N, C-alpha and C. Protein backbone atom coordinates (compact mmCIF):
# COMPACT_ATOMS: atom_id res chain seq x y z
N MET A 1 -18.24 66.11 157.78
CA MET A 1 -17.20 66.55 156.96
C MET A 1 -16.40 67.61 157.72
N VAL A 2 -15.16 67.56 157.84
CA VAL A 2 -14.33 68.50 158.56
C VAL A 2 -13.74 69.42 157.51
N SER A 3 -13.88 70.70 157.74
CA SER A 3 -13.22 71.55 156.79
C SER A 3 -12.64 72.78 157.52
N VAL A 4 -11.62 73.42 156.91
CA VAL A 4 -10.91 74.49 157.52
C VAL A 4 -10.69 75.57 156.39
N ASN A 5 -10.78 76.81 156.78
CA ASN A 5 -10.53 77.94 155.85
C ASN A 5 -9.09 78.37 156.00
N VAL A 6 -8.40 78.62 154.92
CA VAL A 6 -7.06 79.12 154.94
C VAL A 6 -7.13 80.67 154.84
N ARG A 7 -6.62 81.38 155.86
CA ARG A 7 -6.65 82.84 155.79
C ARG A 7 -5.29 83.36 155.63
N ASP A 8 -5.17 84.34 154.78
CA ASP A 8 -3.96 85.09 154.45
C ASP A 8 -2.84 84.09 154.15
N ASN A 9 -3.10 83.08 153.38
CA ASN A 9 -2.16 82.03 152.81
C ASN A 9 -1.39 81.42 154.03
N ASN A 10 -1.95 81.34 155.17
CA ASN A 10 -1.29 80.76 156.39
C ASN A 10 -1.72 79.30 156.43
N VAL A 11 -0.95 78.41 155.68
CA VAL A 11 -1.32 77.01 155.63
C VAL A 11 -1.00 76.30 156.96
N GLU A 12 0.12 76.72 157.56
CA GLU A 12 0.47 76.04 158.87
C GLU A 12 -0.57 76.19 159.93
N GLN A 13 -1.15 77.40 160.04
CA GLN A 13 -2.17 77.68 161.03
C GLN A 13 -3.48 76.81 160.63
N ALA A 14 -3.76 76.73 159.35
CA ALA A 14 -4.90 75.90 158.87
C ALA A 14 -4.64 74.44 159.18
N LEU A 15 -3.46 73.96 159.01
CA LEU A 15 -3.19 72.54 159.34
C LEU A 15 -3.36 72.24 160.80
N ARG A 16 -2.82 73.18 161.65
CA ARG A 16 -3.02 73.00 163.12
C ARG A 16 -4.51 72.94 163.46
N ALA A 17 -5.28 73.80 162.83
CA ALA A 17 -6.72 73.84 163.10
C ALA A 17 -7.42 72.47 162.64
N LEU A 18 -7.02 72.08 161.49
CA LEU A 18 -7.52 70.84 160.89
C LEU A 18 -7.23 69.61 161.85
N LYS A 19 -5.95 69.59 162.29
CA LYS A 19 -5.54 68.39 163.16
C LYS A 19 -6.41 68.48 164.41
N LYS A 20 -6.54 69.68 165.03
CA LYS A 20 -7.27 69.79 166.26
C LYS A 20 -8.73 69.34 166.03
N LYS A 21 -9.36 69.73 164.97
CA LYS A 21 -10.69 69.29 164.69
C LYS A 21 -10.79 67.82 164.54
N MET A 22 -9.81 67.29 163.79
CA MET A 22 -9.83 65.78 163.53
C MET A 22 -9.60 65.05 164.78
N GLN A 23 -8.82 65.57 165.76
CA GLN A 23 -8.59 64.94 167.05
C GLN A 23 -9.91 64.90 167.81
N ARG A 24 -10.56 66.06 167.82
CA ARG A 24 -11.83 66.11 168.53
C ARG A 24 -12.83 65.26 168.07
N GLU A 25 -12.89 65.09 166.74
CA GLU A 25 -13.87 64.20 166.08
C GLU A 25 -13.58 62.71 166.24
N GLY A 26 -12.34 62.40 166.60
CA GLY A 26 -11.96 61.04 166.81
C GLY A 26 -11.54 60.30 165.51
N ILE A 27 -11.18 61.15 164.48
CA ILE A 27 -10.81 60.46 163.19
C ILE A 27 -9.52 59.73 163.25
N PHE A 28 -8.53 60.31 163.97
CA PHE A 28 -7.22 59.70 164.06
C PHE A 28 -7.35 58.33 164.81
N ARG A 29 -8.21 58.28 165.80
CA ARG A 29 -8.36 56.97 166.56
C ARG A 29 -9.08 55.94 165.69
N GLU A 30 -10.02 56.48 164.93
CA GLU A 30 -10.78 55.50 164.02
C GLU A 30 -9.79 54.97 162.94
N MET A 31 -8.99 55.89 162.39
CA MET A 31 -8.07 55.42 161.39
C MET A 31 -7.12 54.35 161.95
N LYS A 32 -6.65 54.54 163.12
CA LYS A 32 -5.78 53.52 163.78
C LYS A 32 -6.45 52.27 163.97
N LEU A 33 -7.68 52.28 164.44
CA LEU A 33 -8.45 51.02 164.62
C LEU A 33 -8.72 50.28 163.29
N ARG A 34 -8.98 51.02 162.24
CA ARG A 34 -9.29 50.39 160.98
C ARG A 34 -8.00 49.97 160.20
N ARG A 35 -6.84 50.38 160.66
CA ARG A 35 -5.62 49.98 159.92
C ARG A 35 -5.46 48.43 159.73
N ASP A 36 -5.70 47.77 160.83
CA ASP A 36 -5.60 46.28 160.87
C ASP A 36 -6.94 45.69 161.20
N PHE A 37 -7.12 44.47 160.80
CA PHE A 37 -8.38 43.72 161.19
C PHE A 37 -8.34 43.43 162.60
N GLU A 38 -9.50 43.63 163.26
CA GLU A 38 -9.66 43.32 164.68
C GLU A 38 -10.65 42.23 164.85
N LYS A 39 -10.22 41.18 165.51
CA LYS A 39 -11.15 40.02 165.67
C LYS A 39 -12.31 40.46 166.52
N PRO A 40 -13.52 39.92 166.33
CA PRO A 40 -14.73 40.28 167.08
C PRO A 40 -14.51 40.12 168.58
N SER A 41 -13.81 39.10 169.01
CA SER A 41 -13.56 38.98 170.42
C SER A 41 -12.67 40.10 170.99
N GLU A 42 -11.71 40.55 170.22
CA GLU A 42 -10.81 41.60 170.65
C GLU A 42 -11.52 42.92 170.63
N LYS A 43 -12.40 43.04 169.74
CA LYS A 43 -13.20 44.25 169.70
C LYS A 43 -14.10 44.42 170.89
N LYS A 44 -14.75 43.31 171.20
CA LYS A 44 -15.65 43.30 172.40
C LYS A 44 -14.86 43.57 173.68
N LYS A 45 -13.66 42.92 173.79
CA LYS A 45 -12.84 43.15 174.95
C LYS A 45 -12.44 44.61 175.00
N ARG A 46 -12.03 45.30 173.88
CA ARG A 46 -11.57 46.63 173.92
C ARG A 46 -12.78 47.55 174.30
N GLU A 47 -13.92 47.29 173.67
CA GLU A 47 -15.12 48.14 173.96
C GLU A 47 -15.51 48.03 175.44
N LYS A 48 -15.39 46.86 176.00
CA LYS A 48 -15.73 46.67 177.46
C LYS A 48 -14.82 47.44 178.32
N SER A 49 -13.46 47.38 178.02
CA SER A 49 -12.47 48.07 178.80
C SER A 49 -12.73 49.55 178.64
N GLU A 50 -12.95 50.07 177.43
CA GLU A 50 -13.19 51.51 177.28
C GLU A 50 -14.44 51.95 178.05
N SER A 51 -15.51 51.15 178.13
CA SER A 51 -16.68 51.40 178.87
C SER A 51 -16.33 51.56 180.31
N VAL A 52 -15.58 50.58 180.82
CA VAL A 52 -15.18 50.63 182.28
C VAL A 52 -14.39 51.86 182.59
N ARG A 53 -13.39 52.24 181.70
CA ARG A 53 -12.63 53.39 181.81
C ARG A 53 -13.44 54.67 181.88
N ARG A 54 -14.41 54.80 180.95
CA ARG A 54 -15.36 55.99 180.96
C ARG A 54 -16.14 56.01 182.27
N TRP A 55 -16.65 54.88 182.74
CA TRP A 55 -17.41 54.82 183.90
C TRP A 55 -16.57 55.28 185.15
N ARG A 56 -15.39 54.75 185.26
CA ARG A 56 -14.49 55.12 186.37
C ARG A 56 -14.23 56.61 186.33
N LYS A 57 -13.96 57.22 185.22
CA LYS A 57 -13.69 58.61 185.02
C LYS A 57 -14.88 59.42 185.52
N LEU A 58 -16.08 58.98 185.09
CA LEU A 58 -17.30 59.70 185.55
C LEU A 58 -17.48 59.60 186.98
N GLU A 59 -17.22 58.46 187.64
CA GLU A 59 -17.39 58.28 189.07
C GLU A 59 -16.32 59.13 189.83
N ARG A 60 -15.12 59.25 189.27
CA ARG A 60 -14.07 60.05 189.92
C ARG A 60 -14.50 61.51 189.88
N LYS A 61 -15.11 61.96 188.73
CA LYS A 61 -15.54 63.39 188.70
C LYS A 61 -16.72 63.65 189.65
N ARG A 62 -17.60 62.63 189.80
CA ARG A 62 -18.68 62.79 190.69
C ARG A 62 -18.24 62.99 192.19
N ARG A 63 -17.25 62.12 192.52
CA ARG A 63 -16.69 62.25 193.84
C ARG A 63 -16.00 63.52 194.12
N GLU A 64 -15.23 64.02 193.13
CA GLU A 64 -14.63 65.39 193.27
C GLU A 64 -15.62 66.42 193.43
N ARG A 65 -16.75 66.34 192.77
CA ARG A 65 -17.77 67.39 192.87
C ARG A 65 -18.46 67.37 194.25
N ASP A 66 -18.64 66.21 194.75
CA ASP A 66 -19.37 66.10 196.04
C ASP A 66 -18.56 66.42 197.25
């Protein structure tokens, strides 16, 4: 559960903090994925490509570090 406290009636600041927390938790991404039905084959393809992307990013960081 994501929650934000409103201080000094500053709703705009609280909304910014809430959006930042939701972005970090991946809620916006999940909402986008659940908006439409995704075929199992498409889901498998997307998850595989995400995995490859994460792996490449990790390898790139390892090379920079060495």
